[in-house]
């Protein structure tokens, strides 16, 4: 009997090893909308139950993973760092383990907002991984309202994510001047990548990712220099040199450029009170420069609310998630001041 079980297990493992899994990489800077994009993409795939999401968040608690898991999706989490630095080995091992043990058709990788896409691609090209996957696309989500600022202040991350993308999808495009500025930045960094600017619910995301050759995703450069978007066609004749990637330099830059603080929220408030309190937190100079704020907060009326701030708008909405914490990301943070402010009174 044990021999039969062993043979069955061996055959199952061989079947998994011979089965090529399609991989999507969905990158984007802090708060660009990666998780929202992934939720729509999954619903467009033939069988959402055959999808596994490998989720990396820059912080102690993975809110995006919790949101996706609440929707019923299968999620593997990596936290407390970014894939390309302290978690590179963990990510490689996690990906190999998924390929060895999980019978799935698709893996969607959502790197931290401060990861470099070139690092993710390098790991996917590892000999233990590349022969077992079909890299279908590596897209970047770009927030048009924040992109010019990110380009200027956090170029090492932002530029890499765009330069190595096979497609670019635009989010948050309320200001036409900022949108046009963002499009010019993208064309400068990667004139080969098609740019899509229509609302995502008006297009089939999987169609526009999958219609481009796998080789484009692997190299992040297409021999076709035409850039497409849904308001016209743009052509670029010269491709800029792809930035040289220095892993050691990036690790130092990631450590120096961004800090993260996770605060347990102990004092319930109404949504209006939280709105006022968190706006004051964002505007104060005593706690540091906040680029990203997300998490769950307790309500005095009962239940929890979901908080999302990406540098432009603060959104607070009821949620069925149960944790009470906020994760704050920024280039300079005062942890003690954040703890006191969030759980204190103004």
Protein backbone atom coordinates (compact mmCIF):
# COMPACT_ATOMS: atom_id res chain seq x y z
CA UNK A 1 0.00 0.00 0.00
CA UNK A 2 2.79 2.43 0.95
CA UNK A 3 4.53 1.72 -2.36
CA UNK A 4 1.32 2.53 -4.25
CA UNK A 5 0.93 5.81 -2.36
CA UNK A 6 4.58 6.66 -3.00
CA UNK A 7 4.22 5.95 -6.72
CA UNK A 8 1.05 8.02 -6.91
CA UNK A 9 2.79 10.92 -5.16
CA UNK A 10 5.77 10.63 -7.51
CA UNK A 11 3.49 10.64 -10.57
CA UNK A 12 1.61 13.67 -9.22
CA UNK A 13 4.86 15.53 -8.63
CA UNK A 14 6.08 14.64 -12.12
CA UNK A 15 2.83 15.95 -13.59
CA UNK A 16 3.26 19.23 -11.70
CA UNK A 17 6.86 19.50 -12.86
CA UNK A 18 5.93 18.97 -16.52
CA UNK A 19 3.00 21.39 -16.38
CA UNK A 20 3.96 24.94 -17.39
CA UNK A 21 2.24 27.51 -15.21
CA UNK A 22 1.37 30.88 -16.70
CA UNK A 23 2.80 33.75 -14.66
CA UNK A 24 1.66 37.36 -14.55
CA UNK A 25 3.72 40.00 -12.74
CA UNK A 26 1.72 43.07 -11.69
CA UNK A 27 4.03 45.82 -10.47
CA UNK A 28 3.43 49.45 -9.61
CA UNK A 29 4.55 52.09 -7.15
CA UNK A 30 2.91 52.60 -3.77
CA UNK A 31 -0.88 52.83 -3.99
CA UNK A 32 -1.08 52.66 -7.79
CA UNK A 33 -3.94 50.13 -7.77
CA UNK A 34 -2.24 46.75 -8.20
CA UNK A 35 -4.67 44.82 -5.99
CA UNK A 36 -7.72 46.27 -7.76
CA UNK A 37 -6.17 45.37 -11.12
CA UNK A 38 -5.46 41.81 -9.95
CA UNK A 39 -9.03 41.28 -8.76
CA UNK A 40 -10.38 42.13 -12.21
CA UNK A 41 -7.70 40.07 -13.98
CA UNK A 42 -8.54 36.97 -11.93
CA UNK A 43 -12.22 37.22 -12.81
CA UNK A 44 -11.32 37.27 -16.51
CA UNK A 45 -9.24 34.08 -16.36
CA UNK A 46 -10.94 30.77 -17.28
CA UNK A 47 -11.09 29.42 -13.70
CA UNK A 48 -10.31 31.73 -10.74
CA UNK A 49 -9.95 28.69 -8.48
CA UNK A 50 -6.88 27.67 -10.52
CA UNK A 51 -5.07 30.92 -9.66
CA UNK A 52 -2.54 31.47 -6.86
CA UNK A 53 -1.39 34.97 -5.88
CA UNK A 54 2.13 35.43 -4.56
CA UNK A 55 1.79 38.62 -2.55
CA UNK A 56 4.65 40.72 -1.19
CA UNK A 57 3.98 43.75 1.01
CA UNK A 58 6.42 46.24 2.49
CA UNK A 59 5.46 46.03 6.15
CA UNK A 60 4.67 43.65 9.01
CA UNK A 61 1.03 43.12 8.01
CA UNK A 62 -0.16 42.32 4.49
CA UNK A 63 -3.43 44.19 3.92
CA UNK A 64 -3.58 43.42 0.20
CA UNK A 65 -3.24 39.71 0.93
CA UNK A 66 -6.09 39.94 3.45
CA UNK A 67 -8.31 41.72 0.92
CA UNK A 68 -7.63 39.11 -1.76
CA UNK A 69 -8.09 36.21 0.67
CA UNK A 70 -11.42 37.66 1.82
CA UNK A 71 -12.56 37.49 -1.82
CA UNK A 72 -11.90 33.75 -1.74
CA UNK A 73 -8.61 33.74 -3.65
CA UNK A 74 -5.61 31.58 -2.78
CA UNK A 75 -2.77 33.76 -1.51
CA UNK A 76 0.83 33.07 -0.48
CA UNK A 77 2.31 35.99 1.46
CA UNK A 78 5.79 37.41 1.92
CA UNK A 79 5.99 40.35 4.34
CA UNK A 80 8.43 42.66 6.15
CA UNK A 81 10.55 43.50 3.15
CA UNK A 82 10.64 43.71 -0.62
CA UNK A 83 11.22 40.75 -2.93
CA UNK A 84 14.38 42.14 -4.46
CA UNK A 85 16.19 42.66 -1.15
CA UNK A 86 15.81 40.73 2.10
CA UNK A 87 13.14 38.42 0.71
CA UNK A 88 14.77 37.47 -2.61
CA UNK A 89 15.73 34.01 -1.36
CA UNK A 90 12.34 33.51 0.29
CA UNK A 91 10.59 34.50 -2.92
CA UNK A 92 12.60 32.08 -5.03
CA UNK A 93 11.97 29.25 -2.57
CA UNK A 94 8.27 30.11 -2.32
CA UNK A 95 7.91 30.08 -6.10
CA UNK A 96 9.67 26.71 -6.40
CA UNK A 97 7.52 25.30 -3.59
CA UNK A 98 4.35 26.50 -5.31
CA UNK A 99 5.44 24.87 -8.56
CA UNK A 100 6.28 21.64 -6.68
CA UNK A 101 3.14 21.36 -4.56
CA UNK A 102 0.28 23.46 -5.96
CA UNK A 103 -1.82 22.28 -8.88
CA UNK A 104 -2.60 25.68 -10.42
CA UNK A 105 -2.75 27.09 -13.93
CA UNK A 106 -1.81 30.68 -13.09
CA UNK A 107 0.45 32.47 -10.64
CA UNK A 108 0.01 36.22 -10.22
CA UNK A 109 2.95 37.95 -8.56
CA UNK A 110 2.24 41.25 -6.81
CA UNK A 111 5.57 42.72 -5.68
CA UNK A 112 5.91 45.43 -3.07
CA UNK A 113 5.46 48.96 -4.39
CA UNK A 114 9.16 49.60 -3.79
CA UNK A 115 10.39 46.48 -5.59
CA UNK A 116 12.29 46.66 -8.85
CA UNK A 117 10.69 44.76 -11.70
CA UNK A 118 14.11 43.82 -13.10
CA UNK A 119 14.78 41.80 -9.94
CA UNK A 120 11.51 39.90 -10.22
CA UNK A 121 12.27 39.05 -13.84
CA UNK A 122 15.77 37.88 -12.89
CA UNK A 123 14.34 35.48 -10.31
CA UNK A 124 11.80 34.15 -12.83
CA UNK A 125 14.70 33.44 -15.21
CA UNK A 126 16.40 31.27 -12.58
CA UNK A 127 17.15 27.83 -14.04
CA UNK A 128 15.00 26.11 -11.40
CA UNK A 129 12.00 28.23 -12.38
CA UNK A 130 12.20 29.39 -16.00
CA UNK A 131 11.69 25.95 -17.56
CA UNK A 132 8.50 25.42 -15.53
CA UNK A 133 6.66 28.66 -16.21
CA UNK A 134 5.32 30.63 -19.12
CA UNK A 135 5.88 34.30 -18.35
CA UNK A 136 2.75 35.73 -19.92
CA UNK A 137 3.21 39.38 -19.00
CA UNK A 138 4.88 41.80 -16.64
CA UNK A 139 2.76 44.92 -16.40
CA UNK A 140 3.11 48.13 -14.44
CA UNK A 141 0.25 50.12 -12.96
CA UNK A 142 1.02 53.85 -12.99
CA UNK A 143 -0.84 56.48 -10.96
CA UNK A 144 -0.92 59.50 -13.29
CA UNK A 145 -1.58 61.92 -10.43
CA UNK A 146 1.60 60.92 -8.59
CA UNK A 147 3.90 59.66 -11.35
CA UNK A 148 5.74 62.96 -12.04
CA UNK A 149 6.59 63.31 -8.34
CA UNK A 150 7.66 59.67 -8.05
CA UNK A 151 9.79 60.02 -11.20
CA UNK A 152 11.59 63.01 -9.69
CA UNK A 153 12.01 61.80 -6.11
CA UNK A 154 12.06 57.97 -6.25
CA UNK A 155 13.43 57.33 -9.71
CA UNK A 156 15.47 54.21 -8.93
CA UNK A 157 12.26 52.25 -8.24
CA UNK A 158 9.75 54.04 -10.44
CA UNK A 159 11.93 54.09 -13.57
CA UNK A 160 12.84 50.42 -13.26
CA UNK A 161 9.20 49.35 -12.96
CA UNK A 162 8.30 51.15 -16.18
CA UNK A 163 11.45 50.32 -18.15
CA UNK A 164 11.00 46.57 -17.67
CA UNK A 165 7.23 46.43 -18.28
CA UNK A 166 5.62 44.69 -21.21
CA UNK A 167 2.49 46.85 -20.86
CA UNK A 168 1.53 49.91 -18.79
CA UNK A 169 -1.97 50.53 -17.42
CA UNK A 170 -2.84 54.01 -16.12
CA UNK A 171 -4.84 54.62 -12.94
CA UNK A 172 -5.99 57.87 -11.26
CA UNK A 173 -6.07 60.20 -14.25
CA UNK A 174 -8.35 63.00 -13.07
CA UNK A 175 -5.95 65.80 -14.11
CA UNK A 176 -5.33 66.03 -17.88
CA UNK A 177 -2.03 67.92 -17.56
CA UNK A 178 -0.61 65.39 -15.11
CA UNK A 179 -1.83 62.56 -17.33
CA UNK A 180 -0.02 63.98 -20.37
CA UNK A 181 3.12 64.51 -18.29
CA UNK A 182 2.92 60.91 -17.10
CA UNK A 183 2.50 59.59 -20.65
CA UNK A 184 5.61 61.47 -21.77
CA UNK A 185 7.60 60.02 -18.87
CA UNK A 186 6.48 56.49 -19.77
CA UNK A 187 7.35 56.99 -23.45
CA UNK A 188 10.78 58.23 -22.46
CA UNK A 189 11.49 55.25 -20.22
CA UNK A 190 9.91 52.52 -22.35
CA UNK A 191 8.68 53.51 -25.82
CA UNK A 192 8.09 49.83 -26.65
CA UNK A 193 5.38 49.27 -24.05
CA UNK A 194 1.73 49.80 -25.03
CA UNK A 195 -0.02 52.25 -22.68
CA UNK A 196 -3.69 51.71 -21.80
CA UNK A 197 -5.66 54.64 -20.43
CA UNK A 198 -9.29 53.60 -20.70
CA UNK A 199 -11.02 52.62 -17.43
CA UNK A 200 -10.19 49.00 -16.68
CA UNK A 201 -13.83 47.96 -16.48
CA UNK A 202 -14.20 48.95 -20.15
CA UNK A 203 -11.53 46.56 -21.44
CA UNK A 204 -10.59 42.91 -21.00
CA UNK A 205 -7.28 43.10 -19.17
CA UNK A 206 -6.22 39.50 -19.84
CA UNK A 207 -6.68 40.04 -23.58
CA UNK A 208 -4.37 43.02 -23.67
CA UNK A 209 -1.73 41.35 -21.55
CA UNK A 210 -1.80 38.01 -23.35
CA UNK A 211 -1.86 39.35 -26.91
CA UNK A 212 1.84 40.21 -26.76
CA UNK A 213 4.56 37.60 -27.23
CA UNK A 214 5.96 35.84 -24.21
CA UNK A 215 9.43 36.97 -25.29
CA UNK A 216 8.39 40.56 -24.73
CA UNK A 217 7.61 39.81 -21.11
CA UNK A 218 10.92 38.01 -20.67
CA UNK A 219 13.03 40.80 -22.14
CA UNK A 220 10.61 43.64 -21.35
CA UNK A 221 11.50 45.03 -24.76
CA UNK A 222 9.52 44.50 -27.94
CA UNK A 223 11.00 44.68 -31.45
CA UNK A 224 7.84 46.56 -32.39
CA UNK A 225 8.38 50.22 -31.48
CA UNK A 226 4.71 51.18 -31.71
CA UNK A 227 3.07 52.37 -28.53
CA UNK A 228 -0.66 51.93 -28.27
CA UNK A 229 -3.29 53.40 -26.06
CA UNK A 230 -7.01 53.75 -26.36
CA UNK A 231 -6.95 57.42 -27.34
CA UNK A 232 -4.61 57.01 -30.28
CA UNK A 233 -1.39 55.47 -31.50
CA UNK A 234 2.06 56.82 -30.70
CA UNK A 235 5.37 55.87 -32.27
CA UNK A 236 8.81 56.22 -30.74
CA UNK A 237 11.86 55.70 -32.91
CA UNK A 238 14.60 55.44 -30.32
CA UNK A 239 14.66 53.27 -27.24
CA UNK A 240 16.49 54.69 -24.21
CA UNK A 241 19.16 52.62 -22.56
CA UNK A 242 17.66 50.46 -19.85
CA UNK A 243 19.00 51.55 -16.46
CA UNK A 244 21.81 49.35 -15.17
CA UNK A 245 20.68 47.42 -12.13
CA UNK A 246 22.96 47.33 -9.12
CA UNK A 247 21.41 45.07 -6.48
CA UNK A 248 23.66 46.23 -3.64
CA UNK A 249 23.03 49.88 -4.45
CA UNK A 250 19.29 49.22 -4.67
CA UNK A 251 19.22 47.43 -1.33
CA UNK A 252 20.87 50.43 0.30
CA UNK A 253 18.54 52.82 -1.51
CA UNK A 254 15.44 50.85 -0.52
CA UNK A 255 16.53 50.78 3.11
CA UNK A 256 17.39 54.49 3.11
CA UNK A 257 14.53 55.76 0.94
CA UNK A 258 11.58 54.06 2.63
CA UNK A 259 10.57 53.23 6.16
CA UNK A 260 7.49 51.38 7.31
CA UNK A 261 5.63 51.49 10.60
CA UNK A 262 2.70 49.30 11.63
CA UNK A 263 0.51 50.65 14.43
CA UNK A 264 -2.17 48.69 16.28
CA UNK A 265 -5.27 50.90 16.54
CA UNK A 266 -6.78 50.69 20.01
CA UNK A 267 -9.15 53.66 20.12
CA UNK A 268 -12.46 53.28 18.20
CA UNK A 269 -13.89 56.34 16.42
CA UNK A 270 -16.67 57.12 13.97
CA UNK A 271 -15.75 57.28 10.28
CA UNK A 272 -16.00 61.09 10.36
CA UNK A 273 -13.72 61.25 13.40
CA UNK A 274 -11.20 58.94 11.74
CA UNK A 275 -11.35 61.04 8.57
CA UNK A 276 -10.52 64.17 10.55
CA UNK A 277 -7.88 62.43 12.67
CA UNK A 278 -6.03 60.79 9.77
CA UNK A 279 -6.10 63.94 7.63
CA UNK A 280 -4.42 65.73 10.52
CA UNK A 281 -1.88 62.90 10.73
CA UNK A 282 -1.03 63.21 7.02
CA UNK A 283 -0.69 66.99 7.22
CA UNK A 284 1.44 67.17 10.38
CA UNK A 285 5.21 67.49 10.15
CA UNK A 286 5.93 65.77 13.46
CA UNK A 287 5.38 62.16 12.34
CA UNK A 288 7.28 62.24 9.03
CA UNK A 289 6.41 62.34 5.34
CA UNK A 290 3.65 59.80 4.65
CA UNK A 291 3.46 58.41 1.10
CA UNK A 292 1.15 55.48 1.80
CA UNK A 293 -1.32 54.69 4.56
CA UNK A 294 -3.49 51.58 4.65
CA UNK A 295 -5.10 49.20 7.08
CA UNK A 296 -8.20 48.52 9.17
CA UNK A 297 -9.51 50.71 11.98
CA UNK A 298 -12.08 50.07 14.74
CA UNK A 299 -15.37 51.98 14.62
CA UNK A 300 -17.14 53.22 17.73
CA UNK A 301 -20.42 52.31 16.00
CA UNK A 302 -19.24 48.69 15.74
CA UNK A 303 -17.24 46.83 13.13
CA UNK A 304 -14.21 47.95 11.18
CA UNK A 305 -13.36 50.29 8.32
CA UNK A 306 -10.78 49.98 5.54
CA UNK A 307 -8.33 52.88 5.14
CA UNK A 308 -6.53 53.67 1.88
CA UNK A 309 -4.31 56.70 1.22
CA UNK A 310 -1.93 56.85 -1.74
CA UNK A 311 -0.73 60.43 -1.55
CA UNK A 312 -3.80 62.05 -3.07
CA UNK A 313 -7.11 60.98 -1.53
CA UNK A 314 -7.97 59.44 1.83
CA UNK A 315 -10.68 56.76 1.58
CA UNK A 316 -12.39 55.15 4.58
CA UNK A 317 -15.03 52.50 3.91
CA UNK A 318 -16.71 49.80 6.04
CA UNK A 319 -15.16 46.33 5.78
CA UNK A 320 -15.68 42.82 7.10
CA UNK A 321 -11.96 42.45 7.88
CA UNK A 322 -11.35 42.11 11.60
CA UNK A 323 -7.82 43.34 12.32
CA UNK A 324 -7.17 46.82 13.72
CA UNK A 325 -3.89 48.23 12.44
CA UNK A 326 -2.47 50.85 10.11
CA UNK A 327 0.65 50.46 7.98
CA UNK A 328 2.45 53.69 7.15
CA UNK A 329 5.16 53.96 4.47
CA UNK A 330 7.32 56.99 3.79
CA UNK A 331 10.87 58.26 3.29
CA UNK A 332 11.06 59.52 6.87
CA UNK A 333 8.88 58.36 9.76
CA UNK A 334 8.85 58.91 13.51
CA UNK A 335 7.51 55.65 14.91
CA UNK A 336 6.92 56.89 18.45
CA UNK A 337 5.11 59.98 17.22
CA UNK A 338 2.96 57.87 14.89
CA UNK A 339 1.99 55.49 17.69
CA UNK A 340 1.04 58.37 19.98
CA UNK A 341 -0.82 60.33 17.32
CA UNK A 342 -2.92 57.47 15.95
CA UNK A 343 -4.05 56.24 19.36
CA UNK A 344 -4.31 59.65 20.98
CA UNK A 345 -6.43 62.74 20.60
CA UNK A 346 -5.67 65.76 18.49
